[in-house]
Structures are given as C-alpha cells and as structure tokens.
Amino acid sequence: MTDDARDPGTSLDPATLPDGWRVWSDDDQRTVLVYRPDIFDGGAFPAPCLPTLYVTHGRRDRRPGVEREAPPGASWVVTLYLEPDVSAPEERYDTRGAAVEGARELAAEFARGDVDYRDLYQVPREDYFDELDRLTGE
C-alpha cells in the first residue's frame, strides 16, 4: 500500500455523506460516489447522467477496464462527472484523507444546490437542469 491508502482515518464512512449520495465502490486506488442512483435509472433521469464523484490516486483513466498503478508521488484527485463527457475541474490533494474530505465537501455542496452545473455544459439542457434543480437544494 502506498501513502495513506487504507489508513482507517481516511476511509469514507457512508454515514457521513450528505443525503442522496452513496458509496458505489471503494478500494485502495479509487472511491466512487453516486448521487441518487434510485432515480438515475433511465426513467425520469437518464442513467448516463448519474452525478458521480471519483476520488482517485493519480488521474482517472478514461478507458474502461484499464487498471493502473499511480506513479510515485501522485496526488489524489477528486472529479465530479455529470455525464461521461461533462465534468467539473478536478481538485488535487496530497493525501487520500484530504481527498476524501474534499469529496465529502463537494458532495454536500452539490446536494445543497451550490454547484453551478449549468456552466459545465456546452449545450444547455434546460428541462434536465430544472429537474436537477428540484433534486438538489435549489
């Protein structure tokens, strides 16, 4: 294990997440959080639009199924995806613990409606934004 990868103090306790957020997966190199998977199921909201937070050791590889080790000294990265090709700027941290706390804070901002996701889209989707506003704190 590298850095503080599995230090118990750096684990993301699901009970500390804001309403609507769930731990989707968690391992030494990556933690994935999802927002309201109960409704982003292809019905009211398209499944590819599931808001997802990644906490990764090193930059996340965009290709599915690619396993890789982070280079020595790699930072921890937190990235919010609204769709596969729509993401907020990544945030970098020196330790897993700091990245986990950063992800928790970003999840809380999102749940309160404090993340301006409209600016992340090149092509506005107003009906979708209105529904997402309804789900988050707007």
Protein backbone atom coordinates (compact mmCIF):
# COMPACT_ATOMS: atom_id res chain seq x y z
CA MET A 1 0.00 0.00 0.00
CA THR A 2 1.19 3.48 -0.79
CA ASP A 3 0.74 6.73 1.09
CA ASP A 4 -2.22 6.58 3.44
CA ALA A 5 -4.28 4.40 1.07
CA ARG A 6 -6.08 2.32 3.67
CA ASP A 7 -5.42 4.22 6.89
CA PRO A 8 -8.73 3.81 8.75
CA GLY A 9 -8.85 7.56 9.27
CA THR A 10 -9.05 8.10 5.51
CA SER A 11 -11.95 5.79 4.70
CA LEU A 12 -15.15 7.38 3.55
CA ASP A 13 -17.86 6.45 6.03
CA PRO A 14 -21.18 6.25 4.11
CA ALA A 15 -22.97 7.61 7.19
CA THR A 16 -21.09 10.92 6.79
CA LEU A 17 -22.28 11.55 3.24
CA PRO A 18 -24.96 14.16 2.51
CA ASP A 19 -28.47 12.97 1.68
CA GLY A 20 -28.72 11.37 -1.72
CA TRP A 21 -25.05 10.35 -2.04
CA ARG A 22 -24.00 6.67 -1.89
CA VAL A 23 -20.66 4.85 -1.99
CA TRP A 24 -20.69 2.92 -5.26
CA SER A 25 -17.23 1.38 -4.85
CA ASP A 26 -14.18 1.81 -2.65
CA ASP A 27 -10.69 0.33 -2.94
CA ASP A 28 -7.06 1.33 -2.39
CA GLN A 29 -6.78 3.47 -5.53
CA ARG A 30 -10.32 4.74 -6.15
CA THR A 31 -13.56 5.61 -4.40
CA VAL A 32 -16.71 6.27 -6.40
CA LEU A 33 -19.72 8.15 -5.02
CA VAL A 34 -23.03 8.48 -6.85
CA TYR A 35 -25.97 10.83 -6.36
CA ARG A 36 -29.49 9.44 -6.21
CA PRO A 37 -28.94 6.17 -8.10
CA ASP A 38 -32.57 5.39 -7.27
CA ILE A 39 -33.80 7.92 -9.83
CA PHE A 40 -31.00 7.98 -12.41
CA ASP A 41 -32.21 4.67 -13.74
CA GLY A 42 -33.27 5.54 -17.27
CA GLY A 43 -36.81 6.53 -16.27
CA ALA A 44 -37.18 10.13 -15.14
CA PHE A 45 -33.44 10.73 -15.48
CA PRO A 46 -31.11 9.04 -17.96
CA ALA A 47 -28.67 6.62 -16.35
CA PRO A 48 -25.61 8.18 -18.10
CA CYS A 49 -26.43 11.45 -16.29
CA LEU A 50 -25.88 9.91 -12.84
CA PRO A 51 -23.81 12.52 -10.95
CA THR A 52 -20.62 10.72 -9.93
CA LEU A 53 -17.68 11.75 -7.76
CA TYR A 54 -14.37 9.96 -8.26
CA VAL A 55 -11.57 10.00 -5.70
CA THR A 56 -8.55 8.55 -7.48
CA HIS A 57 -4.88 8.13 -6.73
CA GLY A 58 -3.48 9.84 -9.76
CA ARG A 59 -5.57 10.95 -12.66
CA ARG A 60 -8.53 8.75 -13.60
CA ASP A 61 -8.08 6.75 -16.81
CA ARG A 62 -10.98 7.41 -19.18
CA ARG A 63 -10.81 3.96 -20.75
CA PRO A 64 -12.99 1.37 -19.03
CA GLY A 65 -11.29 -1.73 -17.70
CA VAL A 66 -7.82 -0.21 -17.61
CA GLU A 67 -6.13 -0.96 -14.30
CA ARG A 68 -3.02 1.01 -13.50
CA GLU A 69 -0.86 1.94 -10.57
CA ALA A 70 -0.40 5.62 -9.78
CA PRO A 71 3.17 6.84 -10.25
CA PRO A 72 5.18 7.53 -7.08
CA GLY A 73 4.23 10.85 -5.53
CA ALA A 74 0.98 11.12 -7.50
CA SER A 75 -1.62 13.34 -5.96
CA TRP A 76 -5.17 12.27 -5.08
CA VAL A 77 -7.75 13.69 -7.48
CA VAL A 78 -11.44 14.44 -6.93
CA THR A 79 -13.59 14.83 -10.05
CA LEU A 80 -17.33 15.40 -10.37
CA TYR A 81 -18.92 13.96 -13.53
CA LEU A 82 -22.44 14.91 -14.60
CA GLU A 83 -22.25 12.75 -17.71
CA PRO A 84 -19.39 10.75 -19.23
CA ASP A 85 -18.11 13.81 -21.13
CA VAL A 86 -19.24 16.56 -18.73
CA SER A 87 -17.12 17.16 -15.65
CA ALA A 88 -16.12 19.87 -13.22
CA PRO A 89 -12.45 20.81 -12.98
CA GLU A 90 -10.56 18.24 -10.96
CA GLU A 91 -9.33 19.08 -7.48
CA ARG A 92 -5.95 17.72 -6.32
CA TYR A 93 -4.89 16.72 -2.81
CA ASP A 94 -1.67 15.45 -1.26
CA THR A 95 -3.29 12.61 0.73
CA ARG A 96 -6.22 10.24 0.48
CA GLY A 97 -7.65 11.66 3.70
CA ALA A 98 -7.66 15.20 2.31
CA ALA A 99 -9.22 13.96 -0.97
CA VAL A 100 -11.94 12.05 0.89
CA GLU A 101 -12.76 15.19 2.89
CA GLY A 102 -12.74 17.23 -0.33
CA ALA A 103 -15.14 14.76 -1.96
CA ARG A 104 -17.44 14.88 1.08
CA GLU A 105 -17.49 18.70 0.93
CA LEU A 106 -18.15 18.72 -2.83
CA ALA A 107 -20.97 16.18 -2.37
CA ALA A 108 -22.53 18.44 0.27
CA GLU A 109 -22.24 21.50 -2.00
CA PHE A 110 -23.89 19.57 -4.82
CA ALA A 111 -26.72 18.29 -2.59
CA ARG A 112 -27.40 21.86 -1.37
CA GLY A 113 -27.54 23.14 -4.95
CA ASP A 114 -24.31 25.13 -4.59
CA VAL A 115 -22.59 23.60 -7.66
CA ASP A 116 -23.31 25.56 -10.84
CA TYR A 117 -23.52 22.61 -13.20
CA ARG A 118 -25.04 24.71 -16.00
CA ASP A 119 -21.62 26.24 -16.69
CA LEU A 120 -20.13 22.78 -17.27
CA TYR A 121 -22.33 22.08 -20.29
CA GLN A 122 -21.50 23.35 -23.78
CA VAL A 123 -25.05 22.63 -24.96
CA PRO A 124 -27.67 23.65 -22.38
CA ARG A 125 -30.29 21.09 -21.35
CA GLU A 126 -32.83 23.35 -19.64
CA ASP A 127 -35.51 20.71 -18.89
CA TYR A 128 -32.88 18.48 -17.32
CA PHE A 129 -31.43 21.40 -15.33
CA ASP A 130 -34.89 22.25 -13.97
CA GLU A 131 -35.35 18.70 -12.74
CA LEU A 132 -31.84 18.56 -11.28
CA ASP A 133 -32.54 21.88 -9.50
CA ARG A 134 -35.61 20.26 -7.98
CA LEU A 135 -33.50 17.36 -6.64
CA THR A 136 -30.74 19.49 -5.22
CA GLY A 137 -31.18 22.43 -2.86
CA GLU A 138 -32.44 24.94 -5.43
